[in-house]
């Protein structure tokens, strides 16, 4: 599935909404790290490098959502397909 940079921005917004629905906080920080999901004093936190590309941010968010468990929530077909495609390739 080919996705343009602008489309990644829309996907990121949808993934952010899903993360909040799952009780996670998203933090965009600068630094020398890739990012991902972690627990911080019983809080679900997804940390994303703000200097990463939109595609990388989407991958990090999608990966974190997979860890949080997205099987039981509604996700638009386009985003669900994107997430499934991302993790089939690995």
PDB file of N, CA and C in Angstrom:
ATOM      1  N   UNK A   1       0.844  -1.172   0.000  1.00  0.00           N
ATOM      2  CA  UNK A   1       0.000   0.000   0.000  1.00  0.00           C
ATOM      3  C   UNK A   1       0.897   1.245   0.000  1.00  0.00           C
ATOM      4  N   UNK A   2       0.768   2.058  -1.014  1.00  0.00           N
ATOM      5  CA  UNK A   2       1.533   3.302  -1.116  1.00  0.00           C
ATOM      6  C   UNK A   2       0.768   4.420  -0.434  1.00  0.00           C
ATOM      7  N   UNK A   3       1.453   5.134   0.436  1.00  0.00           N
ATOM      8  CA  UNK A   3       0.811   6.217   1.171  1.00  0.00           C
ATOM      9  C   UNK A   3       1.674   7.463   1.047  1.00  0.00           C
ATOM     10  N   UNK A   4       1.014   8.577   0.781  1.00  0.00           N
ATOM     11  CA  UNK A   4       1.708   9.850   0.651  1.00  0.00           C
ATOM     12  C   UNK A   4       1.939  10.454   2.029  1.00  0.00           C
ATOM     13  N   UNK A   5       2.909  11.359   2.107  1.00  0.00           N
ATOM     14  CA  UNK A   5       3.269  11.996   3.381  1.00  0.00           C
ATOM     15  C   UNK A   5       2.059  12.658   4.042  1.00  0.00           C
ATOM     16  N   UNK A   6       1.245  13.350   3.277  1.00  0.00           N
ATOM     17  CA  UNK A   6       0.063  14.022   3.837  1.00  0.00           C
ATOM     18  C   UNK A   6      -0.919  13.013   4.420  1.00  0.00           C
ATOM     19  N   UNK A   7      -1.060  11.871   3.769  1.00  0.00           N
ATOM     20  CA  UNK A   7      -1.951  10.830   4.279  1.00  0.00           C
ATOM     21  C   UNK A   7      -1.455  10.297   5.618  1.00  0.00           C
ATOM     22  N   UNK A   8      -0.131  10.242   5.793  1.00  0.00           N
ATOM     23  CA  UNK A   8       0.417   9.786   7.068  1.00  0.00           C
ATOM     24  C   UNK A   8       0.006  10.722   8.195  1.00  0.00           C
ATOM     25  N   UNK A   9      -0.066  12.017   7.916  1.00  0.00           N
ATOM     26  CA  UNK A   9      -0.492  12.976   8.940  1.00  0.00           C
ATOM     27  C   UNK A   9      -1.913  12.662   9.411  1.00  0.00           C
ATOM     28  N   UNK A  10      -2.809  12.358   8.478  1.00  0.00           N
ATOM     29  CA  UNK A  10      -4.185  11.998   8.838  1.00  0.00           C
ATOM     30  C   UNK A  10      -4.225  10.694   9.629  1.00  0.00           C
ATOM     31  N   UNK A  11      -3.413   9.738   9.221  1.00  0.00           N
ATOM     32  CA  UNK A  11      -3.355   8.446   9.908  1.00  0.00           C
ATOM     33  C   UNK A  11      -2.824   8.635  11.320  1.00  0.00           C
ATOM     34  N   UNK A  12      -1.813   9.474  11.478  1.00  0.00           N
ATOM     35  CA  UNK A  12      -1.254   9.747  12.801  1.00  0.00           C
ATOM     36  C   UNK A  12      -2.330  10.321  13.713  1.00  0.00           C
ATOM     37  N   UNK A  13      -3.123  11.237  13.197  1.00  0.00           N
ATOM     38  CA  UNK A  13      -4.198  11.830  14.006  1.00  0.00           C
ATOM     39  C   UNK A  13      -5.185  10.759  14.464  1.00  0.00           C
ATOM     40  N   UNK A  14      -5.547   9.858  13.565  1.00  0.00           N
ATOM     41  CA  UNK A  14      -6.473   8.787  13.929  1.00  0.00           C
ATOM     42  C   UNK A  14      -5.843   7.847  14.952  1.00  0.00           C
ATOM     43  N   UNK A  15      -4.565   7.529  14.776  1.00  0.00           N
ATOM     44  CA  UNK A  15      -3.869   6.660  15.726  1.00  0.00           C
ATOM     45  C   UNK A  15      -3.764   7.319  17.099  1.00  0.00           C
ATOM     46  N   UNK A  16      -3.566   8.630  17.127  1.00  0.00           N
ATOM     47  CA  UNK A  16      -3.507   9.352  18.396  1.00  0.00           C
ATOM     48  C   UNK A  16      -4.842   9.260  19.132  1.00  0.00           C
ATOM     49  N   UNK A  17      -5.942   9.386  18.407  1.00  0.00           N
ATOM     50  CA  UNK A  17      -7.271   9.270  19.013  1.00  0.00           C
ATOM     51  C   UNK A  17      -7.468   7.870  19.594  1.00  0.00           C
ATOM     52  N   UNK A  18      -7.045   6.853  18.844  1.00  0.00           N
ATOM     53  CA  UNK A  18      -7.167   5.480  19.331  1.00  0.00           C
ATOM     54  C   UNK A  18      -6.332   5.260  20.588  1.00  0.00           C
ATOM     55  N   UNK A  19      -5.139   5.830  20.619  1.00  0.00           N
ATOM     56  CA  UNK A  19      -4.265   5.683  21.789  1.00  0.00           C
ATOM     57  C   UNK A  19      -4.931   6.276  23.031  1.00  0.00           C
ATOM     58  N   UNK A  20      -5.529   7.433  22.869  1.00  0.00           N
ATOM     59  CA  UNK A  20      -6.223   8.077  23.997  1.00  0.00           C
ATOM     60  C   UNK A  20      -7.398   7.209  24.449  1.00  0.00           C
ATOM     61  N   UNK A  21      -8.137   6.635  23.505  1.00  0.00           N
ATOM     62  CA  UNK A  21      -9.252   5.747  23.847  1.00  0.00           C
ATOM     63  C   UNK A  21      -8.773   4.543  24.662  1.00  0.00           C
ATOM     64  N   UNK A  22      -7.543   4.108  24.402  1.00  0.00           N
ATOM     65  CA  UNK A  22      -6.967   2.966  25.121  1.00  0.00           C
ATOM     66  C   UNK A  22      -6.274   3.394  26.413  1.00  0.00           C
ATOM     67  N   UNK A  23      -6.365   4.678  26.746  1.00  0.00           N
ATOM     68  CA  UNK A  23      -5.816   5.158  28.014  1.00  0.00           C
ATOM     69  C   UNK A  23      -4.345   5.520  27.987  1.00  0.00           C
ATOM     70  N   UNK A  24      -3.791   5.739  26.818  1.00  0.00           N
ATOM     71  CA  UNK A  24      -2.367   6.069  26.708  1.00  0.00           C
ATOM     72  C   UNK A  24      -2.169   7.568  26.523  1.00  0.00           C
ATOM     73  N   UNK A  25      -1.044   8.045  27.009  1.00  0.00           N
ATOM     74  CA  UNK A  25      -0.617   9.417  26.797  1.00  0.00           C
ATOM     75  C   UNK A  25       0.463   9.389  25.726  1.00  0.00           C
ATOM     76  N   UNK A  26       0.413  10.341  24.807  1.00  0.00           N
ATOM     77  CA  UNK A  26       1.424  10.408  23.741  1.00  0.00           C
ATOM     78  C   UNK A  26       2.296  11.623  23.990  1.00  0.00           C
ATOM     79  N   UNK A  27       3.602  11.387  23.953  1.00  0.00           N
ATOM     80  CA  UNK A  27       4.554  12.485  24.138  1.00  0.00           C
ATOM     81  C   UNK A  27       5.486  12.553  22.938  1.00  0.00           C
ATOM     82  N   UNK A  28       5.601  13.734  22.350  1.00  0.00           N
ATOM     83  CA  UNK A  28       6.537  13.980  21.254  1.00  0.00           C
ATOM     84  C   UNK A  28       7.717  14.726  21.856  1.00  0.00           C
ATOM     85  N   UNK A  29       8.885  14.080  21.829  1.00  0.00           N
ATOM     86  CA  UNK A  29      10.084  14.636  22.454  1.00  0.00           C
ATOM     87  C   UNK A  29      11.249  14.617  21.478  1.00  0.00           C
ATOM     88  N   UNK A  30      12.209  15.497  21.714  1.00  0.00           N
ATOM     89  CA  UNK A  30      13.442  15.480  20.925  1.00  0.00           C
ATOM     90  C   UNK A  30      14.465  14.634  21.661  1.00  0.00           C
ATOM     91  N   UNK A  31      15.308  13.956  20.902  1.00  0.00           N
ATOM     92  CA  UNK A  31      16.355  13.167  21.526  1.00  0.00           C
ATOM     93  C   UNK A  31      16.900  12.121  20.580  1.00  0.00           C
ATOM     94  N   UNK A  32      17.806  11.330  21.106  1.00  0.00           N
ATOM     95  CA  UNK A  32      18.454  10.273  20.334  1.00  0.00           C
ATOM     96  C   UNK A  32      17.802   8.937  20.691  1.00  0.00           C
ATOM     97  N   UNK A  33      16.573   8.744  20.233  1.00  0.00           N
ATOM     98  CA  UNK A  33      15.832   7.523  20.511  1.00  0.00           C
ATOM     99  C   UNK A  33      14.825   7.296  19.385  1.00  0.00           C
ATOM    100  N   UNK A  34      14.352   6.068  19.285  1.00  0.00           N
ATOM    101  CA  UNK A  34      13.364   5.740  18.254  1.00  0.00           C
ATOM    102  C   UNK A  34      11.951   5.995  18.747  1.00  0.00           C
ATOM    103  N   UNK A  35      11.675   5.609  19.970  1.00  0.00           N
ATOM    104  CA  UNK A  35      10.340   5.792  20.530  1.00  0.00           C
ATOM    105  C   UNK A  35       9.623   4.474  20.694  1.00  0.00           C
ATOM    106  N   UNK A  36       8.483   4.528  21.367  1.00  0.00           N
ATOM    107  CA  UNK A  36       7.689   3.341  21.563  1.00  0.00           C
ATOM    108  C   UNK A  36       6.802   3.448  22.783  1.00  0.00           C
ATOM    109  N   UNK A  37       6.246   2.310  23.184  1.00  0.00           N
ATOM    110  CA  UNK A  37       5.298   2.226  24.286  1.00  0.00           C
ATOM    111  C   UNK A  37       6.016   1.817  25.563  1.00  0.00           C
ATOM    112  N   UNK A  38       5.628   2.422  26.695  1.00  0.00           N
ATOM    113  CA  UNK A  38       6.178   2.021  27.984  1.00  0.00           C
ATOM    114  C   UNK A  38       5.174   2.330  29.084  1.00  0.00           C
ATOM    115  N   UNK A  39       5.414   1.741  30.240  1.00  0.00           N
ATOM    116  CA  UNK A  39       4.630   2.054  31.433  1.00  0.00           C
ATOM    117  C   UNK A  39       5.490   2.934  32.319  1.00  0.00           C
ATOM    118  N   UNK A  40       4.915   4.027  32.783  1.00  0.00           N
ATOM    119  CA  UNK A  40       5.630   4.960  33.637  1.00  0.00           C
ATOM    120  C   UNK A  40       4.754   5.211  34.865  1.00  0.00           C
ATOM    121  N   UNK A  41       5.131   4.592  35.978  1.00  0.00           N
ATOM    122  CA  UNK A  41       4.341   4.695  37.211  1.00  0.00           C
ATOM    123  C   UNK A  41       2.867   4.388  36.949  1.00  0.00           C
ATOM    124  N   UNK A  42       2.611   3.244  36.383  1.00  0.00           N
ATOM    125  CA  UNK A  42       1.255   2.767  36.083  1.00  0.00           C
ATOM    126  C   UNK A  42       0.517   3.576  35.015  1.00  0.00           C
ATOM    127  N   UNK A  43       1.203   4.464  34.326  1.00  0.00           N
ATOM    128  CA  UNK A  43       0.601   5.222  33.222  1.00  0.00           C
ATOM    129  C   UNK A  43       1.121   4.670  31.903  1.00  0.00           C
ATOM    130  N   UNK A  44       0.215   4.507  30.945  1.00  0.00           N
ATOM    131  CA  UNK A  44       0.600   4.054  29.608  1.00  0.00           C
ATOM    132  C   UNK A  44       1.100   5.267  28.833  1.00  0.00           C
ATOM    133  N   UNK A  45       2.330   5.194  28.356  1.00  0.00           N
ATOM    134  CA  UNK A  45       2.933   6.323  27.653  1.00  0.00           C
ATOM    135  C   UNK A  45       3.522   5.841  26.332  1.00  0.00           C
ATOM    136  N   UNK A  46       3.252   6.607  25.286  1.00  0.00           N
ATOM    137  CA  UNK A  46       3.873   6.357  23.991  1.00  0.00           C
ATOM    138  C   UNK A  46       4.759   7.564  23.715  1.00  0.00           C
ATOM    139  N   UNK A  47       6.055   7.309  23.586  1.00  0.00           N
ATOM    140  CA  UNK A  47       7.012   8.386  23.342  1.00  0.00           C
ATOM    141  C   UNK A  47       7.445   8.309  21.886  1.00  0.00           C
ATOM    142  N   UNK A  48       7.380   9.457  21.212  1.00  0.00           N
ATOM    143  CA  UNK A  48       7.729   9.518  19.792  1.00  0.00           C
ATOM    144  C   UNK A  48       8.733  10.634  19.588  1.00  0.00           C
ATOM    145  N   UNK A  49       9.768  10.346  18.824  1.00  0.00           N
ATOM    146  CA  UNK A  49      10.764  11.366  18.505  1.00  0.00           C
ATOM    147  C   UNK A  49      10.120  12.374  17.563  1.00  0.00           C
ATOM    148  N   UNK A  50      10.042  13.623  18.008  1.00  0.00           N
ATOM    149  CA  UNK A  50       9.359  14.642  17.194  1.00  0.00           C
ATOM    150  C   UNK A  50      10.106  14.947  15.900  1.00  0.00           C
ATOM    151  N   UNK A  51      11.366  14.527  15.794  1.00  0.00           N
ATOM    152  CA  UNK A  51      12.138  14.762  14.573  1.00  0.00           C
ATOM    153  C   UNK A  51      11.992  13.631  13.558  1.00  0.00           C
ATOM    154  N   UNK A  52      11.268  12.582  13.935  1.00  0.00           N
ATOM    155  CA  UNK A  52      11.071  11.443  13.032  1.00  0.00           C
ATOM    156  C   UNK A  52      10.157  11.842  11.870  1.00  0.00           C
ATOM    157  N   UNK A  53      10.245  11.090  10.791  1.00  0.00           N
ATOM    158  CA  UNK A  53       9.364  11.320   9.647  1.00  0.00           C
ATOM    159  C   UNK A  53       7.941  10.931  10.022  1.00  0.00           C
ATOM    160  N   UNK A  54       6.981  11.401   9.261  1.00  0.00           N
ATOM    161  CA  UNK A  54       5.583  11.047   9.510  1.00  0.00           C
ATOM    162  C   UNK A  54       5.378   9.545   9.413  1.00  0.00           C
ATOM    163  N   UNK A  55       6.044   8.912   8.464  1.00  0.00           N
ATOM    164  CA  UNK A  55       5.915   7.463   8.315  1.00  0.00           C
ATOM    165  C   UNK A  55       6.432   6.762   9.568  1.00  0.00           C
ATOM    166  N   UNK A  56       7.573   7.187  10.081  1.00  0.00           N
ATOM    167  CA  UNK A  56       8.152   6.572  11.278  1.00  0.00           C
ATOM    168  C   UNK A  56       7.238   6.786  12.484  1.00  0.00           C
ATOM    169  N   UNK A  57       6.669   7.987  12.605  1.00  0.00           N
ATOM    170  CA  UNK A  57       5.746   8.265  13.709  1.00  0.00           C
ATOM    171  C   UNK A  57       4.539   7.337  13.639  1.00  0.00           C
ATOM    172  N   UNK A  58       4.008   7.133  12.447  1.00  0.00           N
ATOM    173  CA  UNK A  58       2.857   6.238  12.264  1.00  0.00           C
ATOM    174  C   UNK A  58       3.218   4.812  12.648  1.00  0.00           C
ATOM    175  N   UNK A  59       4.409   4.374  12.284  1.00  0.00           N
ATOM    176  CA  UNK A  59       4.854   3.014  12.607  1.00  0.00           C
ATOM    177  C   UNK A  59       4.979   2.844  14.118  1.00  0.00           C
ATOM    178  N   UNK A  60       5.559   3.833  14.786  1.00  0.00           N
ATOM    179  CA  UNK A  60       5.720   3.762  16.237  1.00  0.00           C
ATOM    180  C   UNK A  60       4.351   3.713  16.917  1.00  0.00           C
ATOM    181  N   UNK A  61       3.444   4.578  16.487  1.00  0.00           N
ATOM    182  CA  UNK A  61       2.096   4.589  17.066  1.00  0.00           C
ATOM    183  C   UNK A  61       1.376   3.269  16.815  1.00  0.00           C
ATOM    184  N   UNK A  62       1.462   2.767  15.604  1.00  0.00           N
ATOM    185  CA  UNK A  62       0.793   1.505  15.265  1.00  0.00           C
ATOM    186  C   UNK A  62       1.352   0.356  16.105  1.00  0.00           C
ATOM    187  N   UNK A  63       2.660   0.326  16.263  1.00  0.00           N
ATOM    188  CA  UNK A  63       3.295  -0.713  17.061  1.00  0.00           C
ATOM    189  C   UNK A  63       2.848  -0.636  18.517  1.00  0.00           C
ATOM    190  N   UNK A  64       2.794   0.572  19.048  1.00  0.00           N
ATOM    191  CA  UNK A  64       2.354   0.757  20.432  1.00  0.00           C
ATOM    192  C   UNK A  64       0.899   0.321  20.597  1.00  0.00           C
ATOM    193  N   UNK A  65       0.065   0.660  19.622  1.00  0.00           N
ATOM    194  CA  UNK A  65      -1.344   0.267  19.695  1.00  0.00           C
ATOM    195  C   UNK A  65      -1.498  -1.244  19.651  1.00  0.00           C
ATOM    196  N   UNK A  66      -0.666  -1.911  18.862  1.00  0.00           N
ATOM    197  CA  UNK A  66      -0.698  -3.378  18.822  1.00  0.00           C
ATOM    198  C   UNK A  66      -0.397  -3.937  20.211  1.00  0.00           C
ATOM    199  N   UNK A  67       0.588  -3.329  20.907  1.00  0.00           N
ATOM    200  CA  UNK A  67       0.930  -3.774  22.259  1.00  0.00           C
ATOM    201  C   UNK A  67      -0.215  -3.514  23.238  1.00  0.00           C
ATOM    202  N   UNK A  68      -0.911  -2.412  23.057  1.00  0.00           N
ATOM    203  CA  UNK A  68      -2.026  -2.062  23.935  1.00  0.00           C
ATOM    204  C   UNK A  68      -3.249  -2.931  23.681  1.00  0.00           C
ATOM    205  N   UNK A  69      -3.348  -3.500  22.492  1.00  0.00           N
ATOM    206  CA  UNK A  69      -4.468  -4.377  22.151  1.00  0.00           C
ATOM    207  C   UNK A  69      -5.573  -3.653  21.416  1.00  0.00           C
ATOM    208  N   UNK A  70      -5.573  -3.771  20.098  1.00  0.00           N
ATOM    209  CA  UNK A  70      -6.552  -3.066  19.272  1.00  0.00           C
ATOM    210  C   UNK A  70      -7.590  -3.999  18.664  1.00  0.00           C
ATOM    211  N   UNK A  71      -7.545  -5.254  19.037  1.00  0.00           N
ATOM    212  CA  UNK A  71      -8.435  -6.224  18.410  1.00  0.00           C
ATOM    213  C   UNK A  71      -9.906  -5.997  18.742  1.00  0.00           C
ATOM    214  N   UNK A  72     -10.193  -5.408  19.885  1.00  0.00           N
ATOM    215  CA  UNK A  72     -11.572  -5.268  20.331  1.00  0.00           C
ATOM    216  C   UNK A  72     -12.148  -3.869  20.137  1.00  0.00           C
ATOM    217  N   UNK A  73     -11.426  -2.978  19.447  1.00  0.00           N
ATOM    218  CA  UNK A  73     -11.950  -1.632  19.229  1.00  0.00           C
ATOM    219  C   UNK A  73     -12.123  -1.385  17.736  1.00  0.00           C
ATOM    220  N   UNK A  74     -13.006  -0.429  17.420  1.00  0.00           N
ATOM    221  CA  UNK A  74     -13.240  -0.111  16.012  1.00  0.00           C
ATOM    222  C   UNK A  74     -12.120   0.769  15.480  1.00  0.00           C
ATOM    223  N   UNK A  75     -11.587   0.356  14.357  1.00  0.00           N
ATOM    224  CA  UNK A  75     -10.582   1.129  13.628  1.00  0.00           C
ATOM    225  C   UNK A  75     -11.042   1.162  12.181  1.00  0.00           C
ATOM    226  N   UNK A  76     -10.944   2.317  11.555  1.00  0.00           N
ATOM    227  CA  UNK A  76     -11.377   2.405  10.162  1.00  0.00           C
ATOM    228  C   UNK A  76     -10.639   1.361   9.331  1.00  0.00           C
ATOM    229  N   UNK A  77     -11.294   0.828   8.326  1.00  0.00           N
ATOM    230  CA  UNK A  77     -10.672  -0.222   7.507  1.00  0.00           C
ATOM    231  C   UNK A  77      -9.313   0.186   6.932  1.00  0.00           C
ATOM    232  N   UNK A  78      -9.181   1.430   6.487  1.00  0.00           N
ATOM    233  CA  UNK A  78      -7.910   1.866   5.902  1.00  0.00           C
ATOM    234  C   UNK A  78      -6.777   1.790   6.922  1.00  0.00           C
ATOM    235  N   UNK A  79      -7.037   2.257   8.140  1.00  0.00           N
ATOM    236  CA  UNK A  79      -6.001   2.241   9.171  1.00  0.00           C
ATOM    237  C   UNK A  79      -5.730   0.820   9.644  1.00  0.00           C
ATOM    238  N   UNK A  80      -6.776   0.017   9.779  1.00  0.00           N
ATOM    239  CA  UNK A  80      -6.586  -1.386  10.179  1.00  0.00           C
ATOM    240  C   UNK A  80      -5.735  -2.109   9.136  1.00  0.00           C
ATOM    241  N   UNK A  81      -6.005  -1.866   7.856  1.00  0.00           N
ATOM    242  CA  UNK A  81      -5.214  -2.490   6.782  1.00  0.00           C
ATOM    243  C   UNK A  81      -3.763  -2.030   6.848  1.00  0.00           C
ATOM    244  N   UNK A  82      -3.559  -0.756   7.093  1.00  0.00           N
ATOM    245  CA  UNK A  82      -2.204  -0.224   7.205  1.00  0.00           C
ATOM    246  C   UNK A  82      -1.452  -0.899   8.350  1.00  0.00           C
ATOM    247  N   UNK A  83      -2.090  -0.998   9.504  1.00  0.00           N
ATOM    248  CA  UNK A  83      -1.442  -1.628  10.655  1.00  0.00           C
ATOM    249  C   UNK A  83      -1.124  -3.088  10.345  1.00  0.00           C
ATOM    250  N   UNK A  84      -2.079  -3.801   9.769  1.00  0.00           N
ATOM    251  CA  UNK A  84      -1.843  -5.207   9.426  1.00  0.00           C
ATOM    252  C   UNK A  84      -0.706  -5.340   8.421  1.00  0.00           C
ATOM    253  N   UNK A  85      -0.675  -4.460   7.412  1.00  0.00           N
ATOM    254  CA  UNK A  85       0.393  -4.499   6.407  1.00  0.00           C
ATOM    255  C   UNK A  85       1.754  -4.233   7.029  1.00  0.00           C
ATOM    256  N   UNK A  86       1.823  -3.303   7.950  1.00  0.00           N
ATOM    257  CA  UNK A  86       3.100  -2.966   8.601  1.00  0.00           C
ATOM    258  C   UNK A  86       3.705  -4.166   9.303  1.00  0.00           C
ATOM    259  N   UNK A  87       2.841  -4.955   9.945  1.00  0.00           N
ATOM    260  CA  UNK A  87       3.367  -6.032  10.763  1.00  0.00           C
ATOM    261  C   UNK A  87       3.422  -7.370  10.047  1.00  0.00           C
ATOM    262  N   UNK A  88       2.840  -7.465   8.870  1.00  0.00           N
ATOM    263  CA  UNK A  88       2.999  -8.672   8.056  1.00  0.00           C
ATOM    264  C   UNK A  88       4.371  -8.701   7.421  1.00  0.00           C
ATOM    265  N   UNK A  89       4.911  -7.527   7.103  1.00  0.00           N
ATOM    266  CA  UNK A  89       6.194  -7.424   6.411  1.00  0.00           C
ATOM    267  C   UNK A  89       7.368  -7.821   7.309  1.00  0.00           C
ATOM    268  N   UNK A  90       7.193  -7.728   8.633  1.00  0.00           N
ATOM    269  CA  UNK A  90       8.312  -8.008   9.560  1.00  0.00           C
ATOM    270  C   UNK A  90       8.475  -9.461   9.824  1.00  0.00           C
TER     271      UNK A  90
END
